[in-house]
PDB file of N, CA and C in Angstrom:
ATOM      1  N   MET A   1    -100.906 122.944  24.071  1.00  0.00           N
ATOM      2  CA  MET A   1    -102.266 122.384  24.871  1.00  0.00           C
ATOM      3  C   MET A   1    -103.204 122.685  24.024  1.00  0.00           C
ATOM      4  N   ASN A   2    -103.279 123.804  22.993  1.00  0.00           N
ATOM      5  CA  ASN A   2    -104.587 123.635  22.347  1.00  0.00           C
ATOM      6  C   ASN A   2    -104.916 122.543  21.613  1.00  0.00           C
ATOM      7  N   LYS A   3    -104.136 122.243  20.656  1.00  0.00           N
ATOM      8  CA  LYS A   3    -104.042 121.096  20.195  1.00  0.00           C
ATOM      9  C   LYS A   3    -104.366 119.725  20.837  1.00  0.00           C
ATOM     10  N   LEU A   4    -103.812 119.267  21.995  1.00  0.00           N
ATOM     11  CA  LEU A   4    -104.475 118.681  22.824  1.00  0.00           C
ATOM     12  C   LEU A   4    -105.957 118.427  23.261  1.00  0.00           C
ATOM     13  N   LEU A   5    -106.701 119.644  24.010  1.00  0.00           N
ATOM     14  CA  LEU A   5    -108.005 119.594  24.123  1.00  0.00           C
ATOM     15  C   LEU A   5    -108.869 120.060  22.839  1.00  0.00           C
ATOM     16  N   THR A   6    -108.029 120.490  21.944  1.00  0.00           N
ATOM     17  CA  THR A   6    -109.460 120.142  20.294  1.00  0.00           C
ATOM     18  C   THR A   6    -109.158 118.358  20.440  1.00  0.00           C
ATOM     19  N   THR A   7    -108.269 117.845  20.649  1.00  0.00           N
ATOM     20  CA  THR A   7    -108.126 116.201  20.055  1.00  0.00           C
ATOM     21  C   THR A   7    -109.340 115.425  21.284  1.00  0.00           C
ATOM     22  N   ILE A   8    -109.263 115.704  22.357  1.00  0.00           N
ATOM     23  CA  ILE A   8    -109.777 115.337  23.139  1.00  0.00           C
ATOM     24  C   ILE A   8    -111.445 115.533  23.021  1.00  0.00           C
ATOM     25  N   THR A   9    -111.325 116.800  22.295  1.00  0.00           N
ATOM     26  CA  THR A   9    -112.652 117.323  22.483  1.00  0.00           C
ATOM     27  C   THR A   9    -113.931 116.700  21.105  1.00  0.00           C
ATOM     28  N   LEU A  10    -112.216 116.269  20.363  1.00  0.00           N
ATOM     29  CA  LEU A  10    -113.204 115.381  18.531  1.00  0.00           C
ATOM     30  C   LEU A  10    -113.419 114.070  19.222  1.00  0.00           C
ATOM     31  N   LEU A  11    -112.507 113.664  20.232  1.00  0.00           N
ATOM     32  CA  LEU A  11    -112.826 112.007  20.488  1.00  0.00           C
ATOM     33  C   LEU A  11    -113.876 112.353  21.103  1.00  0.00           C
ATOM     34  N   CYS A  12    -114.354 112.982  21.743  1.00  0.00           N
ATOM     35  CA  CYS A  12    -115.981 113.011  22.867  1.00  0.00           C
ATOM     36  C   CYS A  12    -116.747 113.124  22.275  1.00  0.00           C
ATOM     37  N   PHE A  13    -116.486 113.905  21.073  1.00  0.00           N
ATOM     38  CA  PHE A  13    -117.981 114.291  20.261  1.00  0.00           C
ATOM     39  C   PHE A  13    -117.917 112.799  19.359  1.00  0.00           C
ATOM     40  N   SER A  14    -117.155 112.123  18.856  1.00  0.00           N
ATOM     41  CA  SER A  14    -117.260 110.565  17.781  1.00  0.00           C
ATOM     42  C   SER A  14    -117.941 109.943  18.838  1.00  0.00           C
ATOM     43  N   VAL A  15    -117.352 109.486  19.889  1.00  0.00           N
ATOM     44  CA  VAL A  15    -118.222 108.249  20.890  1.00  0.00           C
ATOM     45  C   VAL A  15    -119.233 108.778  20.791  1.00  0.00           C
ATOM     46  N   ALA A  16    -119.715 110.125  21.508  1.00  0.00           N
ATOM     47  CA  ALA A  16    -121.073 110.110  21.732  1.00  0.00           C
ATOM     48  C   ALA A  16    -122.190 110.315  20.147  1.00  0.00           C
ATOM     49  N   ALA A  17    -121.220 110.349  19.080  1.00  0.00           N
ATOM     50  CA  ALA A  17    -121.827 110.118  17.750  1.00  0.00           C
ATOM     51  C   ALA A  17    -122.387 108.375  17.305  1.00  0.00           C
ATOM     52  N   ASN A  18    -121.073 107.833  18.306  1.00  0.00           N
ATOM     53  CA  ASN A  18    -121.337 106.322  17.769  1.00  0.00           C
ATOM     54  C   ASN A  18    -122.497 105.744  19.133  1.00  0.00           C
ATOM     55  N   ALA A  19    -122.720 106.435  19.803  1.00  0.00           N
ATOM     56  CA  ALA A  19    -123.589 105.822  20.899  1.00  0.00           C
ATOM     57  C   ALA A  19    -125.110 105.639  20.718  1.00  0.00           C
ATOM     58  N   GLU A  20    -124.841 104.321  20.025  1.00  0.00           N
ATOM     59  CA  GLU A  20    -126.640 103.666  19.749  1.00  0.00           C
ATOM     60  C   GLU A  20    -127.310 102.622  20.616  1.00  0.00           C
ATOM     61  N   THR A  21    -128.039 103.148  21.260  1.00  0.00           N
ATOM     62  CA  THR A  21    -128.840 102.013  22.328  1.00  0.00           C
ATOM     63  C   THR A  21    -130.587 101.994  21.200  1.00  0.00           C
ATOM     64  N   TYR A  22    -131.324 100.591  21.493  1.00  0.00           N
ATOM     65  CA  TYR A  22    -132.462 100.172  21.106  1.00  0.00           C
ATOM     66  C   TYR A  22    -133.089  99.617  22.124  1.00  0.00           C
ATOM     67  N   VAL A  23    -134.131 100.114  22.520  1.00  0.00           N
ATOM     68  CA  VAL A  23    -134.993  99.634  23.388  1.00  0.00           C
ATOM     69  C   VAL A  23    -136.057  98.723  22.497  1.00  0.00           C
ATOM     70  N   CYS A  24    -136.592  98.102  22.618  1.00  0.00           N
ATOM     71  CA  CYS A  24    -137.358  96.958  22.065  1.00  0.00           C
ATOM     72  C   CYS A  24    -138.656  96.234  22.814  1.00  0.00           C
ATOM     73  N   THR A  25    -139.349  96.733  22.993  1.00  0.00           N
ATOM     74  CA  THR A  25    -140.462  95.665  23.911  1.00  0.00           C
ATOM     75  C   THR A  25    -141.457  94.431  23.100  1.00  0.00           C
ATOM     76  N   ALA A  26    -141.753  93.783  23.422  1.00  0.00           N
ATOM     77  CA  ALA A  26    -142.708  92.504  22.885  1.00  0.00           C
ATOM     78  C   ALA A  26    -143.088  91.695  24.045  1.00  0.00           C
ATOM     79  N   ASP A  27    -144.514  91.532  24.395  1.00  0.00           N
ATOM     80  CA  ASP A  27    -145.519  91.103  25.529  1.00  0.00           C
ATOM     81  C   ASP A  27    -144.925  91.210  26.288  1.00  0.00           C
ATOM     82  N   ASN A  28    -144.266  90.768  27.676  1.00  0.00           N
ATOM     83  CA  ASN A  28    -143.954  91.395  28.817  1.00  0.00           C
ATOM     84  C   ASN A  28    -141.958  91.441  28.535  1.00  0.00           C
ATOM     85  N   TYR A  29    -141.411  90.922  27.705  1.00  0.00           N
ATOM     86  CA  TYR A  29    -140.419  91.917  27.520  1.00  0.00           C
ATOM     87  C   TYR A  29    -139.683  93.612  27.500  1.00  0.00           C
ATOM     88  N   ILE A  30    -138.572  93.602  27.759  1.00  0.00           N
ATOM     89  CA  ILE A  30    -137.626  94.887  27.325  1.00  0.00           C
ATOM     90  C   ILE A  30    -136.598  94.120  27.156  1.00  0.00           C
ATOM     91  N   GLN A  31    -136.055  94.748  26.055  1.00  0.00           N
ATOM     92  CA  GLN A  31    -134.667  94.218  25.555  1.00  0.00           C
ATOM     93  C   GLN A  31    -134.117  95.699  25.312  1.00  0.00           C
ATOM     94  N   THR A  32    -132.752  95.935  25.691  1.00  0.00           N
ATOM     95  CA  THR A  32    -132.090  97.029  25.652  1.00  0.00           C
ATOM     96  C   THR A  32    -130.952  96.178  24.966  1.00  0.00           C
ATOM     97  N   PHE A  33    -131.254  96.699  23.615  1.00  0.00           N
ATOM     98  CA  PHE A  33    -129.200  96.600  23.136  1.00  0.00           C
ATOM     99  C   PHE A  33    -128.714  98.267  22.630  1.00  0.00           C
ATOM    100  N   GLU A  34    -127.603  97.834  23.017  1.00  0.00           N
ATOM    101  CA  GLU A  34    -126.675  99.063  23.559  1.00  0.00           C
ATOM    102  C   GLU A  34    -125.199  98.760  22.536  1.00  0.00           C
ATOM    103  N   ARG A  35    -125.043  99.713  21.572  1.00  0.00           N
ATOM    104  CA  ARG A  35    -123.657  99.655  20.434  1.00  0.00           C
ATOM    105  C   ARG A  35    -122.475  99.765  21.581  1.00  0.00           C
ATOM    106  N   GLU A  36    -121.415  98.500  21.445  1.00  0.00           N
ATOM    107  CA  GLU A  36    -120.055  98.586  21.868  1.00  0.00           C
ATOM    108  C   GLU A  36    -119.175  98.601  21.013  1.00  0.00           C
ATOM    109  N   GLY A  37    -119.035  99.427  19.939  1.00  0.00           N
ATOM    110  CA  GLY A  37    -117.603  98.986  19.468  1.00  0.00           C
ATOM    111  C   GLY A  37    -118.707  98.355  17.943  1.00  0.00           C
ATOM    112  N   GLU A  38    -118.170  96.969  17.684  1.00  0.00           N
ATOM    113  CA  GLU A  38    -118.584  96.240  17.069  1.00  0.00           C
ATOM    114  C   GLU A  38    -119.504  95.182  17.021  1.00  0.00           C
ATOM    115  N   ARG A  39    -119.897  95.215  18.018  1.00  0.00           N
ATOM    116  CA  ARG A  39    -120.576  94.350  18.907  1.00  0.00           C
ATOM    117  C   ARG A  39    -122.026  95.133  19.495  1.00  0.00           C
ATOM    118  N   PHE A  40    -123.116  94.620  19.833  1.00  0.00           N
ATOM    119  CA  PHE A  40    -124.273  95.105  20.936  1.00  0.00           C
ATOM    120  C   PHE A  40    -124.042  94.264  21.727  1.00  0.00           C
ATOM    121  N   THR A  41    -124.660  94.914  23.381  1.00  0.00           N
ATOM    122  CA  THR A  41    -124.532  94.544  24.305  1.00  0.00           C
ATOM    123  C   THR A  41    -126.158  94.122  24.633  1.00  0.00           C
ATOM    124  N   LYS A  42    -126.767  93.394  24.780  1.00  0.00           N
ATOM    125  CA  LYS A  42    -127.930  92.779  24.976  1.00  0.00           C
ATOM    126  C   LYS A  42    -128.496  92.750  26.472  1.00  0.00           C
ATOM    127  N   VAL A  43    -129.332  93.413  27.261  1.00  0.00           N
ATOM    128  CA  VAL A  43    -129.905  93.230  28.447  1.00  0.00           C
ATOM    129  C   VAL A  43    -131.466  92.889  28.289  1.00  0.00           C
ATOM    130  N   LEU A  44    -131.827  91.884  28.843  1.00  0.00           N
ATOM    131  CA  LEU A  44    -133.417  91.223  29.034  1.00  0.00           C
ATOM    132  C   LEU A  44    -133.969  91.503  30.224  1.00  0.00           C
ATOM    133  N   ARG A  45    -135.445  92.490  30.490  1.00  0.00           N
ATOM    134  CA  ARG A  45    -135.667  92.245  31.440  1.00  0.00           C
ATOM    135  C   ARG A  45    -137.251  91.469  30.957  1.00  0.00           C
ATOM    136  N   ALA A  46    -137.572  90.809  31.781  1.00  0.00           N
ATOM    137  CA  ALA A  46    -138.819  89.943  31.709  1.00  0.00           C
ATOM    138  C   ALA A  46    -139.879  90.904  33.055  1.00  0.00           C
ATOM    139  N   ASN A  47    -140.881  91.033  32.716  1.00  0.00           N
ATOM    140  CA  ASN A  47    -141.732  91.491  33.713  1.00  0.00           C
ATOM    141  C   ASN A  47    -143.017  90.185  33.568  1.00  0.00           C
ATOM    142  N   PHE A  48    -143.641  89.953  34.800  1.00  0.00           N
ATOM    143  CA  PHE A  48    -143.990  89.426  35.235  1.00  0.00           C
ATOM    144  C   PHE A  48    -145.982  90.274  35.660  1.00  0.00           C
ATOM    145  N   GLU A  49    -146.965  88.943  35.345  1.00  0.00           N
ATOM    146  CA  GLU A  49    -148.180  89.167  36.162  1.00  0.00           C
ATOM    147  C   GLU A  49    -148.342  89.333  37.323  1.00  0.00           C
ATOM    148  N   ASN A  50    -147.574  89.000  38.253  1.00  0.00           N
ATOM    149  CA  ASN A  50    -147.565  89.239  39.759  1.00  0.00           C
ATOM    150  C   ASN A  50    -146.873  90.598  39.961  1.00  0.00           C
ATOM    151  N   GLY A  51    -146.565  91.165  39.143  1.00  0.00           N
ATOM    152  CA  GLY A  51    -145.627  92.714  39.543  1.00  0.00           C
ATOM    153  C   GLY A  51    -144.405  92.647  39.648  1.00  0.00           C
ATOM    154  N   SER A  52    -143.535  91.315  39.883  1.00  0.00           N
ATOM    155  CA  SER A  52    -142.251  90.611  39.617  1.00  0.00           C
ATOM    156  C   SER A  52    -141.581  90.995  38.328  1.00  0.00           C
ATOM    157  N   SER A  53    -140.506  91.312  38.365  1.00  0.00           N
ATOM    158  CA  SER A  53    -139.224  91.319  37.232  1.00  0.00           C
ATOM    159  C   SER A  53    -138.054  90.891  37.598  1.00  0.00           C
ATOM    160  N   MET A  54    -137.571  90.506  36.147  1.00  0.00           N
ATOM    161  CA  MET A  54    -136.089  89.363  36.360  1.00  0.00           C
ATOM    162  C   MET A  54    -135.432  90.002  35.004  1.00  0.00           C
ATOM    163  N   THR A  55    -134.235  90.517  35.567  1.00  0.00           N
ATOM    164  CA  THR A  55    -133.135  90.949  34.450  1.00  0.00           C
ATOM    165  C   THR A  55    -131.833  90.026  34.402  1.00  0.00           C
ATOM    166  N   LEU A  56    -131.743  89.485  32.946  1.00  0.00           N
ATOM    167  CA  LEU A  56    -130.698  88.837  32.629  1.00  0.00           C
ATOM    168  C   LEU A  56    -129.206  89.312  32.724  1.00  0.00           C
ATOM    169  N   ASP A  57    -128.288  88.289  32.906  1.00  0.00           N
ATOM    170  CA  ASP A  57    -127.061  88.927  32.306  1.00  0.00           C
ATOM    171  C   ASP A  57    -126.784  89.557  31.038  1.00  0.00           C
ATOM    172  N   PRO A  58    -126.057  90.114  30.621  1.00  0.00           N
ATOM    173  CA  PRO A  58    -126.079  90.610  29.535  1.00  0.00           C
ATOM    174  C   PRO A  58    -125.506  89.937  28.748  1.00  0.00           C
ATOM    175  N   GLU A  59    -125.903  89.668  27.453  1.00  0.00           N
ATOM    176  CA  GLU A  59    -125.105  88.886  26.167  1.00  0.00           C
ATOM    177  C   GLU A  59    -124.486  89.786  25.381  1.00  0.00           C
ATOM    178  N   TYR A  60    -123.490  89.508  24.316  1.00  0.00           N
ATOM    179  CA  TYR A  60    -122.943  89.949  23.436  1.00  0.00           C
ATOM    180  C   TYR A  60    -123.368  89.374  22.022  1.00  0.00           C
ATOM    181  N   TRP A  61    -123.897  90.395  21.433  1.00  0.00           N
ATOM    182  CA  TRP A  61    -124.491  90.051  19.862  1.00  0.00           C
ATOM    183  C   TRP A  61    -123.222  90.577  18.800  1.00  0.00           C
ATOM    184  N   ASP A  62    -123.222  89.728  17.870  1.00  0.00           N
ATOM    185  CA  ASP A  62    -122.758  90.117  17.300  1.00  0.00           C
ATOM    186  C   ASP A  62    -123.193  91.384  15.776  1.00  0.00           C
ATOM    187  N   ILE A  63    -122.797  92.057  15.223  1.00  0.00           N
ATOM    188  CA  ILE A  63    -123.311  92.318  13.939  1.00  0.00           C
ATOM    189  C   ILE A  63    -122.813  91.790  12.782  1.00  0.00           C
ATOM    190  N   GLU A  64    -124.017  91.125  12.288  1.00  0.00           N
ATOM    191  CA  GLU A  64    -123.698  90.442  10.891  1.00  0.00           C
ATOM    192  C   GLU A  64    -123.610  91.318   9.798  1.00  0.00           C
ATOM    193  N   MET A  65    -124.760  92.151   9.907  1.00  0.00           N
ATOM    194  CA  MET A  65    -124.799  93.223   8.682  1.00  0.00           C
ATOM    195  C   MET A  65    -125.645  94.302   9.277  1.00  0.00           C
ATOM    196  N   GLU A  66    -125.170  95.900   8.450  1.00  0.00           N
ATOM    197  CA  GLU A  66    -125.775  97.039   8.934  1.00  0.00           C
ATOM    198  C   GLU A  66    -126.250  97.634   7.512  1.00  0.00           C
ATOM    199  N   THR A  67    -126.923  98.121   7.696  1.00  0.00           N
ATOM    200  CA  THR A  67    -127.095  99.257   6.584  1.00  0.00           C
ATOM    201  C   THR A  67    -127.837 100.539   7.268  1.00  0.00           C
ATOM    202  N   ASP A  68    -128.345 101.990   6.250  1.00  0.00           N
ATOM    203  CA  ASP A  68    -128.918 102.839   7.226  1.00  0.00           C
ATOM    204  C   ASP A  68    -130.381 102.342   7.106  1.00  0.00           C
ATOM    205  N   SER A  69    -130.723 101.321   6.623  1.00  0.00           N
ATOM    206  CA  SER A  69    -132.371 100.725   6.746  1.00  0.00           C
ATOM    207  C   SER A  69    -132.560  99.666   8.133  1.00  0.00           C
ATOM    208  N   TRP A  70    -131.567  98.813   8.087  1.00  0.00           N
ATOM    209  CA  TRP A  70    -131.383  97.437   8.816  1.00  0.00           C
ATOM    210  C   TRP A  70    -130.454  97.477   9.450  1.00  0.00           C
ATOM    211  N   LEU A  71    -130.177  96.188  10.478  1.00  0.00           N
ATOM    212  CA  LEU A  71    -129.628  96.455  11.639  1.00  0.00           C
ATOM    213  C   LEU A  71    -129.805  94.692  11.748  1.00  0.00           C
ATOM    214  N   PHE A  72    -128.865  93.612  11.639  1.00  0.00           N
ATOM    215  CA  PHE A  72    -128.835  92.271  11.801  1.00  0.00           C
ATOM    216  C   PHE A  72    -127.763  91.918  12.111  1.00  0.00           C
ATOM    217  N   LEU A  73    -128.402  91.236  13.993  1.00  0.00           N
ATOM    218  CA  LEU A  73    -127.871  91.040  15.159  1.00  0.00           C
ATOM    219  C   LEU A  73    -127.598  89.357  15.595  1.00  0.00           C
ATOM    220  N   LEU A  74    -126.810  89.018  15.297  1.00  0.00           N
ATOM    221  CA  LEU A  74    -126.734  87.405  15.826  1.00  0.00           C
ATOM    222  C   LEU A  74    -126.007  86.927  17.532  1.00  0.00           C
ATOM    223  N   TYR A  75    -126.605  85.990  17.935  1.00  0.00           N
ATOM    224  CA  TYR A  75    -125.927  85.283  19.184  1.00  0.00           C
ATOM    225  C   TYR A  75    -125.893  83.923  19.212  1.00  0.00           C
ATOM    226  N   ILE A  76    -124.846  83.068  19.241  1.00  0.00           N
ATOM    227  CA  ILE A  76    -124.493  82.079  19.579  1.00  0.00           C
ATOM    228  C   ILE A  76    -124.600  81.719  20.997  1.00  0.00           C
ATOM    229  N   SER A  77    -124.952  80.637  21.389  1.00  0.00           N
ATOM    230  CA  SER A  77    -124.639  80.151  22.653  1.00  0.00           C
ATOM    231  C   SER A  77    -124.843  78.540  22.320  1.00  0.00           C
ATOM    232  N   ILE A  78    -123.298  78.633  23.615  1.00  0.00           N
ATOM    233  CA  ILE A  78    -123.101  76.899  23.783  1.00  0.00           C
ATOM    234  C   ILE A  78    -122.719  77.071  25.520  1.00  0.00           C
ATOM    235  N   ASP A  79    -123.532  75.943  25.902  1.00  0.00           N
ATOM    236  CA  ASP A  79    -123.863  75.730  27.234  1.00  0.00           C
ATOM    237  C   ASP A  79    -123.922  74.204  28.053  1.00  0.00           C
ATOM    238  N   ASP A  80    -123.593  73.822  28.696  1.00  0.00           N
ATOM    239  CA  ASP A  80    -124.557  72.930  29.466  1.00  0.00           C
ATOM    240  C   ASP A  80    -125.858  72.520  29.327  1.00  0.00           C
ATOM    241  N   LEU A  81    -126.581  73.243  29.371  1.00  0.00           N
ATOM    242  CA  LEU A  81    -128.274  73.362  29.227  1.00  0.00           C
ATOM    243  C   LEU A  81    -128.816  73.233  27.574  1.00  0.00           C
ATOM    244  N   ASP A  82    -128.101  74.560  26.785  1.00  0.00           N
ATOM    245  CA  ASP A  82    -128.396  74.949  25.951  1.00  0.00           C
ATOM    246  C   ASP A  82    -127.762  75.263  24.965  1.00  0.00           C
ATOM    247  N   ALA A  83    -127.923  75.426  23.460  1.00  0.00           N
ATOM    248  CA  ALA A  83    -127.082  75.999  22.754  1.00  0.00           C
ATOM    249  C   ALA A  83    -128.146  76.071  21.655  1.00  0.00           C
ATOM    250  N   GLY A  84    -127.675  76.736  21.164  1.00  0.00           N
ATOM    251  CA  GLY A  84    -128.580  77.791  20.039  1.00  0.00           C
ATOM    252  C   GLY A  84    -128.241  79.008  19.193  1.00  0.00           C
ATOM    253  N   LEU A  85    -128.697  78.947  17.993  1.00  0.00           N
ATOM    254  CA  LEU A  85    -128.780  80.479  17.627  1.00  0.00           C
ATOM    255  C   LEU A  85    -129.468  81.522  17.551  1.00  0.00           C
ATOM    256  N   THR A  86    -129.402  82.661  17.934  1.00  0.00           N
ATOM    257  CA  THR A  86    -130.432  83.810  17.809  1.00  0.00           C
ATOM    258  C   THR A  86    -130.319  85.068  16.926  1.00  0.00           C
ATOM    259  N   ALA A  87    -131.450  85.369  15.970  1.00  0.00           N
ATOM    260  CA  ALA A  87    -131.122  86.735  14.836  1.00  0.00           C
ATOM    261  C   ALA A  87    -132.277  87.525  15.198  1.00  0.00           C
ATOM    262  N   THR A  88    -131.742  88.444  15.194  1.00  0.00           N
ATOM    263  CA  THR A  88    -132.402  89.513  15.750  1.00  0.00           C
ATOM    264  C   THR A  88    -132.708  90.182  14.271  1.00  0.00           C
ATOM    265  N   ILE A  89    -133.247  91.068  13.727  1.00  0.00           N
ATOM    266  CA  ILE A  89    -133.601  91.993  12.958  1.00  0.00           C
ATOM    267  C   ILE A  89    -134.433  93.083  12.959  1.00  0.00           C
ATOM    268  N   ILE A  90    -133.725  94.475  12.911  1.00  0.00           N
ATOM    269  CA  ILE A  90    -134.460  95.710  13.247  1.00  0.00           C
ATOM    270  C   ILE A  90    -134.052  96.526  12.090  1.00  0.00           C
ATOM    271  N   ASN A  91    -135.456  97.199  11.967  1.00  0.00           N
ATOM    272  CA  ASN A  91    -135.797  98.140  10.912  1.00  0.00           C
ATOM    273  C   ASN A  91    -135.397  99.111  11.391  1.00  0.00           C
ATOM    274  N   LYS A  92    -134.471 100.469  11.284  1.00  0.00           N
ATOM    275  CA  LYS A  92    -134.267 101.447  11.688  1.00  0.00           C
ATOM    276  C   LYS A  92    -135.487 102.054  11.664  1.00  0.00           C
ATOM    277  N   GLU A  93    -135.932 101.958  10.138  1.00  0.00           N
ATOM    278  CA  GLU A  93    -136.700 103.489   9.852  1.00  0.00           C
ATOM    279  C   GLU A  93    -138.321 103.070  10.295  1.00  0.00           C
ATOM    280  N   THR A  94    -138.557 102.437  10.723  1.00  0.00           N
ATOM    281  CA  THR A  94    -139.914 101.638  11.227  1.00  0.00           C
ATOM    282  C   THR A  94    -140.242 101.032  12.844  1.00  0.00           C
ATOM    283  N   GLY A  95    -138.990 100.938  13.565  1.00  0.00           N
ATOM    284  CA  GLY A  95    -138.695 100.574  14.771  1.00  0.00           C
ATOM    285  C   GLY A  95    -139.063  98.894  15.024  1.00  0.00           C
ATOM    286  N   GLN A  96    -140.119  98.647  13.721  1.00  0.00           N
ATOM    287  CA  GLN A  96    -140.129  97.142  13.893  1.00  0.00           C
ATOM    288  C   GLN A  96    -138.916  96.197  14.217  1.00  0.00           C
ATOM    289  N   TYR A  97    -139.208  94.998  14.656  1.00  0.00           N
ATOM    290  CA  TYR A  97    -137.974  93.868  14.984  1.00  0.00           C
ATOM    291  C   TYR A  97    -138.795  92.746  15.044  1.00  0.00           C
ATOM    292  N   VAL A  98    -137.818  91.847  14.455  1.00  0.00           N
ATOM    293  CA  VAL A  98    -138.363  90.392  14.807  1.00  0.00           C
ATOM    294  C   VAL A  98    -136.963  89.447  15.331  1.00  0.00           C
ATOM    295  N   MET A  99    -137.505  88.724  16.010  1.00  0.00           N
ATOM    296  CA  MET A  99    -136.745  88.082  16.873  1.00  0.00           C
ATOM    297  C   MET A  99    -136.582  86.596  16.592  1.00  0.00           C
ATOM    298  N   ASP A 100    -135.660  85.138  15.933  1.00  0.00           N
ATOM    299  CA  ASP A 100    -135.968  83.956  15.780  1.00  0.00           C
ATOM    300  C   ASP A 100    -134.976  83.086  16.007  1.00  0.00           C
ATOM    301  N   SER A 101    -134.971  82.058  16.671  1.00  0.00           N
ATOM    302  CA  SER A 101    -134.075  81.227  17.279  1.00  0.00           C
ATOM    303  C   SER A 101    -134.362  79.873  16.935  1.00  0.00           C
ATOM    304  N   VAL A 102    -133.290  79.144  17.078  1.00  0.00           N
ATOM    305  CA  VAL A 102    -133.078  77.689  16.358  1.00  0.00           C
ATOM    306  C   VAL A 102    -132.053  77.696  17.673  1.00  0.00           C
ATOM    307  N   ARG A 103    -132.856  76.176  18.412  1.00  0.00           N
ATOM    308  CA  ARG A 103    -132.433  75.946  19.961  1.00  0.00           C
ATOM    309  C   ARG A 103    -132.342  74.322  19.690  1.00  0.00           C
ATOM    310  N   SER A 104    -131.040  73.781  20.855  1.00  0.00           N
ATOM    311  CA  SER A 104    -131.187  72.694  20.640  1.00  0.00           C
ATOM    312  C   SER A 104    -132.531  71.452  21.030  1.00  0.00           C
ATOM    313  N   ILE A 105    -132.660  70.520  21.104  1.00  0.00           N
ATOM    314  CA  ILE A 105    -133.739  69.677  21.393  1.00  0.00           C
ATOM    315  C   ILE A 105    -134.278  69.620  22.710  1.00  0.00           C
ATOM    316  N   LYS A 106    -133.965  70.299  23.519  1.00  0.00           N
ATOM    317  CA  LYS A 106    -134.292  70.278  24.995  1.00  0.00           C
ATOM    318  C   LYS A 106    -135.537  71.399  24.914  1.00  0.00           C
ATOM    319  N   PHE A 107    -135.143  72.266  24.366  1.00  0.00           N
ATOM    320  CA  PHE A 107    -135.807  74.023  24.456  1.00  0.00           C
ATOM    321  C   PHE A 107    -136.529  74.294  22.978  1.00  0.00           C
ATOM    322  N   GLU A 108    -137.684  74.982  22.797  1.00  0.00           N
ATOM    323  CA  GLU A 108    -138.230  75.113  22.157  1.00  0.00           C
ATOM    324  C   GLU A 108    -137.545  76.607  20.997  1.00  0.00           C
ATOM    325  N   ALA A 109    -137.870  76.542  20.056  1.00  0.00           N
ATOM    326  CA  ALA A 109    -137.454  77.815  19.178  1.00  0.00           C
ATOM    327  C   ALA A 109    -138.479  78.705  19.743  1.00  0.00           C
ATOM    328  N   ARG A 110    -137.993  79.598  20.059  1.00  0.00           N
ATOM    329  CA  ARG A 110    -138.934  81.013  20.148  1.00  0.00           C
ATOM    330  C   ARG A 110    -138.565  82.146  18.948  1.00  0.00           C
ATOM    331  N   LYS A 111    -139.671  82.858  18.533  1.00  0.00           N
ATOM    332  CA  LYS A 111    -140.128  83.984  17.903  1.00  0.00           C
ATOM    333  C   LYS A 111    -140.877  84.852  18.139  1.00  0.00           C
ATOM    334  N   GLU A 112    -140.303  85.954  18.416  1.00  0.00           N
ATOM    335  CA  GLU A 112    -140.960  87.556  18.518  1.00  0.00           C
ATOM    336  C   GLU A 112    -140.826  88.290  17.591  1.00  0.00           C
ATOM    337  N   THR A 113    -141.897  89.160  17.803  1.00  0.00           N
ATOM    338  CA  THR A 113    -142.060  90.644  17.159  1.00  0.00           C
ATOM    339  C   THR A 113    -142.275  91.243  17.918  1.00  0.00           C
ATOM    340  N   GLY A 114    -141.949  92.928  17.680  1.00  0.00           N
ATOM    341  CA  GLY A 114    -142.063  93.988  18.748  1.00  0.00           C
ATOM    342  C   GLY A 114    -141.504  95.218  17.761  1.00  0.00           C
ATOM    343  N   ASN A 115    -141.663  96.565  18.948  1.00  0.00           N
ATOM    344  CA  ASN A 115    -141.083  97.969  18.115  1.00  0.00           C
ATOM    345  C   ASN A 115    -140.144  97.968  18.885  1.00  0.00           C
ATOM    346  N   CYS A 116    -139.494  99.260  18.453  1.00  0.00           N
ATOM    347  CA  CYS A 116    -138.012  98.926  19.013  1.00  0.00           C
ATOM    348  C   CYS A 116    -138.416 100.827  19.362  1.00  0.00           C
ATOM    349  N   VAL A 117    -137.389 101.521  19.618  1.00  0.00           N
ATOM    350  CA  VAL A 117    -137.108 102.495  19.582  1.00  0.00           C
ATOM    351  C   VAL A 117    -135.616 102.986  20.248  1.00  0.00           C
ATOM    352  N   VAL A 118    -134.983 104.333  19.306  1.00  0.00           N
ATOM    353  CA  VAL A 118    -133.650 104.531  19.794  1.00  0.00           C
ATOM    354  C   VAL A 118    -133.527 105.410  20.985  1.00  0.00           C
ATOM    355  N   VAL A 119    -132.650 105.026  21.684  1.00  0.00           N
ATOM    356  CA  VAL A 119    -132.794 106.356  23.034  1.00  0.00           C
ATOM    357  C   VAL A 119    -131.102 106.783  22.695  1.00  0.00           C
TER     358      VAL A 119
END
């Protein structure tokens, strides 16, 4: 019984140690990147000047590369309205990030920079 309790406790500590969430802000956007195993889930919340806000459905971002200082995330979208590739680079030491995209002909590419905090 003691071995079982020890194993469960160690598993709980390892899950908590691997939990990692970045909250990034730029202009009127708040983006939350939450680690889920080998990828991140991103939730985007847009705040508008009239006081309203909108939260988009989660997207799943692949980890392309990660070091002690840098996190490189990639999202590829293909649907009837849009197709594109978006990359996000987060500097873990300074909290700065940049997001850039290559989009289909119908939509403009978007680049943004901002700051992130780990929560």
